[in-house]
Each structure stands twice: as structure tokens, then as C-alpha cells.
PDB file of N, CA and C in Angstrom:
ATOM      1  N   MET A   1      64.360 153.545 136.664  1.00  0.00           N
ATOM      2  CA  MET A   1      65.476 153.729 137.903  1.00  0.00           C
ATOM      3  C   MET A   1      66.475 154.420 137.540  1.00  0.00           C
ATOM      4  N   SER A   2      67.218 155.132 138.644  1.00  0.00           N
ATOM      5  CA  SER A   2      68.281 155.729 138.357  1.00  0.00           C
ATOM      6  C   SER A   2      69.422 154.974 138.545  1.00  0.00           C
ATOM      7  N   ALA A   3      70.826 155.643 138.393  1.00  0.00           N
ATOM      8  CA  ALA A   3      71.657 154.685 138.387  1.00  0.00           C
ATOM      9  C   ALA A   3      71.845 153.780 139.550  1.00  0.00           C
ATOM     10  N   ASP A   4      71.582 154.221 140.641  1.00  0.00           N
ATOM     11  CA  ASP A   4      71.671 153.972 142.248  1.00  0.00           C
ATOM     12  C   ASP A   4      70.490 152.861 142.234  1.00  0.00           C
ATOM     13  N   ASN A   5      69.587 152.432 141.496  1.00  0.00           N
ATOM     14  CA  ASN A   5      68.628 151.511 141.295  1.00  0.00           C
ATOM     15  C   ASN A   5      67.373 151.781 142.266  1.00  0.00           C
ATOM     16  N   GLU A   6      67.541 153.461 142.383  1.00  0.00           N
ATOM     17  CA  GLU A   6      66.320 154.255 143.533  1.00  0.00           C
ATOM     18  C   GLU A   6      65.078 154.249 142.236  1.00  0.00           C
ATOM     19  N   ILE A   7      63.846 154.270 142.890  1.00  0.00           N
ATOM     20  CA  ILE A   7      63.034 153.972 141.691  1.00  0.00           C
ATOM     21  C   ILE A   7      62.496 155.958 141.720  1.00  0.00           C
ATOM     22  N   VAL A   8      62.206 156.327 140.746  1.00  0.00           N
ATOM     23  CA  VAL A   8      62.247 157.760 140.597  1.00  0.00           C
ATOM     24  C   VAL A   8      60.893 157.997 139.780  1.00  0.00           C
ATOM     25  N   ASP A   9      60.103 158.877 140.543  1.00  0.00           N
ATOM     26  CA  ASP A   9      58.518 159.178 139.744  1.00  0.00           C
ATOM     27  C   ASP A   9      58.951 160.016 138.716  1.00  0.00           C
ATOM     28  N   ASP A  10      58.957 159.916 137.351  1.00  0.00           N
ATOM     29  CA  ASP A  10      59.266 161.036 136.321  1.00  0.00           C
ATOM     30  C   ASP A  10      57.957 161.777 135.930  1.00  0.00           C
ATOM     31  N   LYS A  11      56.913 161.155 136.510  1.00  0.00           N
ATOM     32  CA  LYS A  11      55.677 161.936 136.450  1.00  0.00           C
ATOM     33  C   LYS A  11      55.269 163.039 137.316  1.00  0.00           C
ATOM     34  N   ALA A  12      56.058 163.124 138.202  1.00  0.00           N
ATOM     35  CA  ALA A  12      55.726 164.062 139.611  1.00  0.00           C
ATOM     36  C   ALA A  12      55.247 165.187 139.442  1.00  0.00           C
ATOM     37  N   HIS A  13      55.807 165.685 138.407  1.00  0.00           N
ATOM     38  CA  HIS A  13      55.753 167.453 137.913  1.00  0.00           C
ATOM     39  C   HIS A  13      54.348 167.236 137.288  1.00  0.00           C
ATOM     40  N   ILE A  14      53.575 165.919 137.130  1.00  0.00           N
ATOM     41  CA  ILE A  14      52.291 166.365 136.383  1.00  0.00           C
ATOM     42  C   ILE A  14      50.911 165.571 136.769  1.00  0.00           C
ATOM     43  N   ARG A  15      51.556 164.883 137.694  1.00  0.00           N
ATOM     44  CA  ARG A  15      50.640 164.356 138.572  1.00  0.00           C
ATOM     45  C   ARG A  15      49.500 164.520 139.279  1.00  0.00           C
ATOM     46  N   HIS A  16      49.955 165.828 139.713  1.00  0.00           N
ATOM     47  CA  HIS A  16      48.856 166.383 140.584  1.00  0.00           C
ATOM     48  C   HIS A  16      47.963 167.509 139.532  1.00  0.00           C
ATOM     49  N   ARG A  17      48.496 167.735 138.129  1.00  0.00           N
ATOM     50  CA  ARG A  17      47.601 168.577 137.332  1.00  0.00           C
ATOM     51  C   ARG A  17      46.404 167.743 136.562  1.00  0.00           C
ATOM     52  N   LEU A  18      46.873 166.089 136.845  1.00  0.00           N
ATOM     53  CA  LEU A  18      46.055 165.611 136.121  1.00  0.00           C
ATOM     54  C   LEU A  18      44.745 164.785 136.918  1.00  0.00           C
ATOM     55  N   ASP A  19      43.803 165.669 136.133  1.00  0.00           N
ATOM     56  CA  ASP A  19      42.375 165.053 136.830  1.00  0.00           C
ATOM     57  C   ASP A  19      41.344 164.277 135.740  1.00  0.00           C
ATOM     58  N   PHE A  20      41.406 163.037 136.101  1.00  0.00           N
ATOM     59  CA  PHE A  20      40.688 161.933 135.465  1.00  0.00           C
ATOM     60  C   PHE A  20      39.234 161.732 135.803  1.00  0.00           C
ATOM     61  N   THR A  21      38.761 162.817 136.874  1.00  0.00           N
ATOM     62  CA  THR A  21      37.287 162.980 137.215  1.00  0.00           C
ATOM     63  C   THR A  21      36.126 162.812 136.155  1.00  0.00           C
ATOM     64  N   ASP A  22      36.343 163.577 135.208  1.00  0.00           N
ATOM     65  CA  ASP A  22      35.596 163.729 133.966  1.00  0.00           C
ATOM     66  C   ASP A  22      36.042 162.650 132.839  1.00  0.00           C
ATOM     67  N   ALA A  23      37.094 162.352 133.078  1.00  0.00           N
ATOM     68  CA  ALA A  23      37.795 161.784 131.787  1.00  0.00           C
ATOM     69  C   ALA A  23      36.701 160.713 130.948  1.00  0.00           C
ATOM     70  N   GLU A  24      36.553 159.900 129.712  1.00  0.00           N
ATOM     71  CA  GLU A  24      36.052 159.416 128.873  1.00  0.00           C
ATOM     72  C   GLU A  24      36.630 158.220 129.288  1.00  0.00           C
ATOM     73  N   TRP A  25      36.101 157.237 130.161  1.00  0.00           N
ATOM     74  CA  TRP A  25      36.990 155.937 130.050  1.00  0.00           C
ATOM     75  C   TRP A  25      36.656 154.881 129.109  1.00  0.00           C
ATOM     76  N   ILE A  26      37.436 154.083 128.644  1.00  0.00           N
ATOM     77  CA  ILE A  26      37.199 153.110 127.682  1.00  0.00           C
ATOM     78  C   ILE A  26      37.654 151.886 128.063  1.00  0.00           C
ATOM     79  N   THR A  27      36.505 151.219 127.872  1.00  0.00           N
ATOM     80  CA  THR A  27      36.756 149.609 129.146  1.00  0.00           C
ATOM     81  C   THR A  27      36.967 148.494 128.409  1.00  0.00           C
ATOM     82  N   SER A  28      37.812 147.314 128.792  1.00  0.00           N
ATOM     83  CA  SER A  28      38.390 146.400 127.699  1.00  0.00           C
ATOM     84  C   SER A  28      37.316 145.302 127.544  1.00  0.00           C
ATOM     85  N   THR A  29      36.398 145.275 128.224  1.00  0.00           N
ATOM     86  CA  THR A  29      35.306 144.260 128.147  1.00  0.00           C
ATOM     87  C   THR A  29      33.803 144.948 127.867  1.00  0.00           C
ATOM     88  N   ASP A  30      32.742 143.919 126.690  1.00  0.00           N
ATOM     89  CA  ASP A  30      31.591 144.695 127.083  1.00  0.00           C
ATOM     90  C   ASP A  30      30.809 144.339 127.992  1.00  0.00           C
ATOM     91  N   ASP A  31      31.351 143.362 128.869  1.00  0.00           N
ATOM     92  CA  ASP A  31      30.376 142.385 129.924  1.00  0.00           C
ATOM     93  C   ASP A  31      30.384 143.435 131.350  1.00  0.00           C
ATOM     94  N   PRO A  32      29.455 143.973 131.446  1.00  0.00           N
ATOM     95  CA  PRO A  32      29.356 144.882 132.373  1.00  0.00           C
ATOM     96  C   PRO A  32      29.125 143.793 134.045  1.00  0.00           C
ATOM     97  N   ASP A  33      29.128 142.735 133.722  1.00  0.00           N
ATOM     98  CA  ASP A  33      29.489 141.983 135.011  1.00  0.00           C
ATOM     99  C   ASP A  33      30.273 141.724 135.364  1.00  0.00           C
ATOM    100  N   GLU A  34      31.584 141.879 134.246  1.00  0.00           N
ATOM    101  CA  GLU A  34      32.886 141.765 134.621  1.00  0.00           C
ATOM    102  C   GLU A  34      33.908 142.760 134.077  1.00  0.00           C
ATOM    103  N   PRO A  35      33.909 143.584 134.961  1.00  0.00           N
ATOM    104  CA  PRO A  35      34.663 144.727 134.498  1.00  0.00           C
ATOM    105  C   PRO A  35      36.249 144.594 134.492  1.00  0.00           C
ATOM    106  N   GLY A  36      36.677 144.869 133.241  1.00  0.00           N
ATOM    107  CA  GLY A  36      38.064 144.870 132.931  1.00  0.00           C
ATOM    108  C   GLY A  36      39.265 146.192 133.391  1.00  0.00           C
ATOM    109  N   VAL A  37      39.896 145.953 132.816  1.00  0.00           N
ATOM    110  CA  VAL A  37      40.836 147.172 132.308  1.00  0.00           C
ATOM    111  C   VAL A  37      40.220 148.569 131.798  1.00  0.00           C
ATOM    112  N   GLU A  38      40.188 149.698 132.426  1.00  0.00           N
ATOM    113  CA  GLU A  38      39.968 150.791 131.488  1.00  0.00           C
ATOM    114  C   GLU A  38      41.014 151.966 131.262  1.00  0.00           C
ATOM    115  N   ILE A  39      41.001 152.624 130.100  1.00  0.00           N
ATOM    116  CA  ILE A  39      41.668 153.546 129.741  1.00  0.00           C
ATOM    117  C   ILE A  39      41.143 154.803 129.289  1.00  0.00           C
ATOM    118  N   ALA A  40      41.795 155.965 130.057  1.00  0.00           N
ATOM    119  CA  ALA A  40      41.266 157.398 129.125  1.00  0.00           C
ATOM    120  C   ALA A  40      42.608 157.731 128.616  1.00  0.00           C
ATOM    121  N   PHE A  41      42.546 158.835 127.587  1.00  0.00           N
ATOM    122  CA  PHE A  41      43.460 159.639 127.147  1.00  0.00           C
ATOM    123  C   PHE A  41      42.920 161.142 127.719  1.00  0.00           C
ATOM    124  N   LEU A  42      44.292 161.610 128.500  1.00  0.00           N
ATOM    125  CA  LEU A  42      44.106 163.186 128.853  1.00  0.00           C
ATOM    126  C   LEU A  42      45.044 164.130 128.722  1.00  0.00           C
ATOM    127  N   ASP A  43      45.221 164.830 128.313  1.00  0.00           N
ATOM    128  CA  ASP A  43      46.450 165.823 128.162  1.00  0.00           C
ATOM    129  C   ASP A  43      47.543 165.640 128.026  1.00  0.00           C
ATOM    130  N   GLY A  44      47.761 164.412 126.865  1.00  0.00           N
ATOM    131  CA  GLY A  44      48.409 163.883 126.129  1.00  0.00           C
ATOM    132  C   GLY A  44      49.116 162.762 127.184  1.00  0.00           C
ATOM    133  N   TYR A  45      48.379 162.328 128.100  1.00  0.00           N
ATOM    134  CA  TYR A  45      48.652 161.293 128.726  1.00  0.00           C
ATOM    135  C   TYR A  45      47.686 160.065 128.747  1.00  0.00           C
ATOM    136  N   ILE A  46      47.848 159.096 129.188  1.00  0.00           N
ATOM    137  CA  ILE A  46      47.153 157.844 129.209  1.00  0.00           C
ATOM    138  C   ILE A  46      47.295 157.425 130.798  1.00  0.00           C
ATOM    139  N   GLY A  47      45.297 157.143 131.170  1.00  0.00           N
ATOM    140  CA  GLY A  47      45.523 156.553 132.314  1.00  0.00           C
ATOM    141  C   GLY A  47      44.890 155.223 132.256  1.00  0.00           C
ATOM    142  N   MET A  48      45.186 154.509 133.072  1.00  0.00           N
ATOM    143  CA  MET A  48      44.667 153.142 133.317  1.00  0.00           C
ATOM    144  C   MET A  48      44.282 152.667 134.312  1.00  0.00           C
ATOM    145  N   ARG A  49      43.068 152.074 134.677  1.00  0.00           N
ATOM    146  CA  ARG A  49      42.514 151.881 136.069  1.00  0.00           C
ATOM    147  C   ARG A  49      42.042 150.392 136.131  1.00  0.00           C
ATOM    148  N   ASN A  50      41.602 149.810 137.260  1.00  0.00           N
ATOM    149  CA  ASN A  50      40.852 148.524 137.198  1.00  0.00           C
ATOM    150  C   ASN A  50      39.091 149.126 137.275  1.00  0.00           C
ATOM    151  N   GLY A  51      38.345 148.928 136.261  1.00  0.00           N
ATOM    152  CA  GLY A  51      37.128 148.916 135.999  1.00  0.00           C
ATOM    153  C   GLY A  51      36.346 148.501 137.610  1.00  0.00           C
ATOM    154  N   ALA A  52      36.806 147.488 138.100  1.00  0.00           N
ATOM    155  CA  ALA A  52      36.012 147.161 139.298  1.00  0.00           C
ATOM    156  C   ALA A  52      36.192 147.925 140.355  1.00  0.00           C
ATOM    157  N   GLU A  53      37.238 148.693 140.439  1.00  0.00           N
ATOM    158  CA  GLU A  53      37.364 149.857 141.380  1.00  0.00           C
ATOM    159  C   GLU A  53      37.678 151.180 140.526  1.00  0.00           C
ATOM    160  N   PRO A  54      36.612 151.666 140.056  1.00  0.00           N
ATOM    161  CA  PRO A  54      36.750 153.043 139.440  1.00  0.00           C
ATOM    162  C   PRO A  54      37.390 153.963 140.414  1.00  0.00           C
ATOM    163  N   ASP A  55      37.303 154.413 141.770  1.00  0.00           N
ATOM    164  CA  ASP A  55      37.802 155.086 142.393  1.00  0.00           C
ATOM    165  C   ASP A  55      39.300 154.981 143.006  1.00  0.00           C
ATOM    166  N   GLY A  56      39.543 153.937 142.619  1.00  0.00           N
ATOM    167  CA  GLY A  56      41.220 153.415 142.891  1.00  0.00           C
ATOM    168  C   GLY A  56      41.942 153.946 142.266  1.00  0.00           C
ATOM    169  N   PRO A  57      43.271 153.790 142.244  1.00  0.00           N
ATOM    170  CA  PRO A  57      44.466 154.360 141.973  1.00  0.00           C
ATOM    171  C   PRO A  57      44.405 154.547 139.930  1.00  0.00           C
ATOM    172  N   VAL A  58      44.917 155.375 139.755  1.00  0.00           N
ATOM    173  CA  VAL A  58      45.208 155.457 138.121  1.00  0.00           C
ATOM    174  C   VAL A  58      46.643 155.097 137.936  1.00  0.00           C
ATOM    175  N   LEU A  59      47.437 154.179 137.026  1.00  0.00           N
ATOM    176  CA  LEU A  59      48.367 154.166 136.316  1.00  0.00           C
ATOM    177  C   LEU A  59      48.400 155.133 135.295  1.00  0.00           C
ATOM    178  N   VAL A  60      49.251 156.084 135.536  1.00  0.00           N
ATOM    179  CA  VAL A  60      49.874 157.121 134.115  1.00  0.00           C
ATOM    180  C   VAL A  60      50.845 156.990 133.352  1.00  0.00           C
ATOM    181  N   PHE A  61      50.639 156.830 132.109  1.00  0.00           N
ATOM    182  CA  PHE A  61      51.684 156.512 130.949  1.00  0.00           C
ATOM    183  C   PHE A  61      51.914 157.971 130.129  1.00  0.00           C
ATOM    184  N   THR A  62      53.010 157.863 129.865  1.00  0.00           N
ATOM    185  CA  THR A  62      53.523 158.794 128.747  1.00  0.00           C
ATOM    186  C   THR A  62      53.184 158.037 127.263  1.00  0.00           C
ATOM    187  N   PRO A  63      53.153 158.927 126.410  1.00  0.00           N
ATOM    188  CA  PRO A  63      52.730 157.778 125.178  1.00  0.00           C
ATOM    189  C   PRO A  63      54.024 157.059 124.810  1.00  0.00           C
ATOM    190  N   GLU A  64      54.793 157.577 124.734  1.00  0.00           N
ATOM    191  CA  GLU A  64      55.970 156.521 124.566  1.00  0.00           C
ATOM    192  C   GLU A  64      55.990 155.221 125.658  1.00  0.00           C
ATOM    193  N   GLU A  65      55.474 155.340 126.812  1.00  0.00           N
ATOM    194  CA  GLU A  65      55.446 154.554 127.639  1.00  0.00           C
ATOM    195  C   GLU A  65      54.081 153.420 127.338  1.00  0.00           C
ATOM    196  N   TRP A  66      53.225 154.115 126.911  1.00  0.00           N
ATOM    197  CA  TRP A  66      51.891 153.474 126.471  1.00  0.00           C
ATOM    198  C   TRP A  66      52.136 152.366 125.212  1.00  0.00           C
ATOM    199  N   ASP A  67      52.972 153.315 124.349  1.00  0.00           N
ATOM    200  CA  ASP A  67      53.425 152.478 122.964  1.00  0.00           C
ATOM    201  C   ASP A  67      53.748 151.146 123.298  1.00  0.00           C
ATOM    202  N   ALA A  68      55.031 151.235 124.178  1.00  0.00           N
ATOM    203  CA  ALA A  68      55.865 150.128 124.824  1.00  0.00           C
ATOM    204  C   ALA A  68      55.018 149.122 125.447  1.00  0.00           C
ATOM    205  N   PHE A  69      54.222 149.330 125.842  1.00  0.00           N
ATOM    206  CA  PHE A  69      53.255 148.557 127.112  1.00  0.00           C
ATOM    207  C   PHE A  69      52.400 147.988 125.613  1.00  0.00           C
ATOM    208  N   VAL A  70      51.659 148.311 124.994  1.00  0.00           N
ATOM    209  CA  VAL A  70      51.010 147.751 123.961  1.00  0.00           C
ATOM    210  C   VAL A  70      51.695 146.785 122.901  1.00  0.00           C
ATOM    211  N   ALA A  71      52.724 147.031 122.467  1.00  0.00           N
ATOM    212  CA  ALA A  71      53.773 146.818 122.002  1.00  0.00           C
ATOM    213  C   ALA A  71      53.963 145.239 122.701  1.00  0.00           C
ATOM    214  N   GLY A  72      54.182 145.579 124.101  1.00  0.00           N
ATOM    215  CA  GLY A  72      54.637 144.197 124.863  1.00  0.00           C
ATOM    216  C   GLY A  72      53.696 143.361 124.748  1.00  0.00           C
ATOM    217  N   ALA A  73      52.141 143.785 125.026  1.00  0.00           N
ATOM    218  CA  ALA A  73      50.918 143.100 125.147  1.00  0.00           C
ATOM    219  C   ALA A  73      50.689 142.196 123.824  1.00  0.00           C
ATOM    220  N   LYS A  74      51.175 143.048 123.032  1.00  0.00           N
ATOM    221  CA  LYS A  74      50.735 142.228 121.403  1.00  0.00           C
ATOM    222  C   LYS A  74      52.127 141.237 121.008  1.00  0.00           C
ATOM    223  N   ASP A  75      52.942 141.396 121.695  1.00  0.00           N
ATOM    224  CA  ASP A  75      53.943 140.205 121.503  1.00  0.00           C
ATOM    225  C   ASP A  75      54.049 138.835 122.680  1.00  0.00           C
ATOM    226  N   GLY A  76      52.875 139.257 123.530  1.00  0.00           N
ATOM    227  CA  GLY A  76      52.746 138.347 124.647  1.00  0.00           C
ATOM    228  C   GLY A  76      53.519 138.256 125.860  1.00  0.00           C
ATOM    229  N   GLU A  77      54.350 139.370 126.138  1.00  0.00           N
ATOM    230  CA  GLU A  77      55.465 139.834 127.230  1.00  0.00           C
ATOM    231  C   GLU A  77      54.284 139.437 128.366  1.00  0.00           C
ATOM    232  N   PHE A  78      53.217 139.842 128.782  1.00  0.00           N
ATOM    233  CA  PHE A  78      52.741 139.903 129.379  1.00  0.00           C
ATOM    234  C   PHE A  78      51.318 138.403 129.732  1.00  0.00           C
ATOM    235  N   ASP A  79      51.796 137.651 128.916  1.00  0.00           N
ATOM    236  CA  ASP A  79      50.852 136.241 129.004  1.00  0.00           C
ATOM    237  C   ASP A  79      51.377 135.346 130.099  1.00  0.00           C
ATOM    238  N   GLU A  80      50.472 134.715 130.516  1.00  0.00           N
ATOM    239  CA  GLU A  80      50.685 133.815 131.535  1.00  0.00           C
ATOM    240  C   GLU A  80      51.659 132.639 131.136  1.00  0.00           C
ATOM    241  N   PRO A  81      52.183 131.905 131.716  1.00  0.00           N
ATOM    242  CA  PRO A  81      53.692 130.630 131.206  1.00  0.00           C
ATOM    243  C   PRO A  81      52.539 129.621 131.043  1.00  0.00           C
TER     244      PRO A  81
END
């Protein structure tokens, strides 16, 4: 966020160039009946999508953002209360 709390898309300059169509998606589960989160590495960025909706939106992370996300997950930051 910027100083005036406006949300800024810091990946706007690259988002239109990233094409995850043929990316190799890695799934979070081995159960085909329960698709989970999927991630793909492409051109120095990390994409994450809902495996149940593979044609849906893709969240895009920089390597630094991804490292922070993974560290938070390992630390329990996203665990349910």
C-alpha cells in the first residue's frame, strides 16, 4: 500500500506478459477428488491458483513475496483459530 493507503499493483508492469497457460502446475494434494492449491514457477515469478478452478484467476508473487508467504505458513500465520 502507498502512504495514503491506496492499493498499488506492483506487478502491473509484468502481469500482461505472464502466460501461465502452458505452465507446469504443482498441486498441494495427491487426491484427484479434492483439488487443492496449485503453484507454478514462470519467468522468475510464482503463480498460485485454486485447483478446483484451473481457468480462474492466478495470484502472482515475486520470489520475495513467496518466501514471506511460505515463512508465514510454516509459522502458523494462516492457521484457523
